Amino acid sequence: MADTLEREARSLLTAAAVRARAAQMLELGLAGGLSHFTIDLDRMDGVAEAVLAVTRKAYPTLDVPFHARWRHFVPGGVDRWAELADATSWSDRAARARAEFDLAIISVLLDAGAGAMWRYRDAVTGESIGRSEGLAIASLDMFAGGLFSRDAGTPFRADAEVLAQLPLTSLTSAFQVTDANPLLGLDGRTDLLRRLGKLVAERAEVFGLRDTPRPGGLFDHIAAQANGGAIAAPAILSAVLNQLGAIWPSRLELAGIPLGDCWRHPAIKADDATAGLVPLHKLSQWLSYSLIEPLQRAGFDVTDIDGLTGLAEYRNGGLFIDHEVLRLRDSADAARAHAVDSLLVVEWRALTVALLDRLAERIRAKLGRTPETLPLASILEGGTWAAGRTIAFARRPDGSPPLKVISDGTVF
């Protein structure tokens, strides 16, 4: 029985489960069976056109890279990380990949909603950068400056013992946080990195295969699973969820297994212990997308990239509300703040994942592309995230999302 329960729990730690449960939520919504949203698919064509417009503006040749943290390290067209990495003498490709895994994991874990007020002053350009891009450059500066390394002579690494002891004051200072420049969820971010450090230190058999324990050791764990030099993208997510899942605070568990970004909704049916559970794994999938390129640079062929799903976050989700594909049953909900585990937010996020799949099909049809030549990861980048931000600023002066979600800095 325990084995069966554990197997059922781990079945939720997959991209396939995210996609299947999201599709079930969409079917419920289309049948009028959801308590907070109605759905108007007739408005999807307008969304597709809006996404294509921002995609063509950003990528005129429609050669769109993957949606990944690496895009945020290129302010003003200058690839900051590539410049640093290319000027560094690496012992082999795997050494660079470990450093890139360290950087991606830490940067993504620090990349939750920053709030509208916060800005990071970039020492290189003198510009003040907000939101996700600001968090990215701040995290890159921390990494390049050796904040997470135990050895000042080798800054491009994150050591488990340094992360485990990370002082709040270090991140406060590195993010340039003051009373006049507040950053949402700073305590949560610090706690998450400490949890990461402790977990990595405890699992040397995973994270210390070729080096002392570091998050970047996940590269060696994933590389060991390659089949003929190929690694399927959903296997990256499974490694992230199964090896890093315990760092997430106060979440649901099944058979003692932490389920991460997974929430309850009574309308979701299953004939086992996973009934009523909706996995979304937004940050873990964002991280998985961000680990594809380091694996490719290290010589691996990453396959089934469309096996990962769209990301259940407020820009993608806001895109569908602001374009009125999704409509609130109670318009007063737009003014209220909602807990991340509320049925309204769970419905919104799951519907977002399912609608992104529908939207991707529509966009490919308009462009005559296939999933191979225009994967979902590129549509997100081109794409849906930017279009969600564009219409948010068109609708609201501060560009805030159409719904207010109370988050601890570890979900969005």
Foldseek 3Di string as FASTA:
>chain_A
DLVVQVVVLLVLLFQVQQQVLLVVLVVCQCVVNADWKHFDCVLLVVLLVLFVVLLCVVPVVSQFDFLALQVLCQPPNRRVVCVVLVVDDDPALLRSLLLLLQLRVLLLLQQFFFDLQAWAQDPVPRDTHDHSSRSSSLSVVCQQCQQQPPDSVDSSFHALVSQLPPDLVVVCVSSVPDPRHGTAQSVVSSLLSNLVSVLQQVPCVQQVPPHHGGSSSVLVNQCVVDDVLEGELRVLSSSCCQRSVVSDPDADDISNRRNHQKAFDQVADDPDPCHRINHQCQSSSNSSSHSVVSSVSNPGHYPNNLSHWDHLDQLLLLSCVLSVSMDTPDLCQLVDEAECRDSNNSSSSSNSRNVLVVSVVVSCVVVVHDCVSQPSSRCVRSHRSVSSQVSLCVVDVSSDGSGHYDDSSRRD
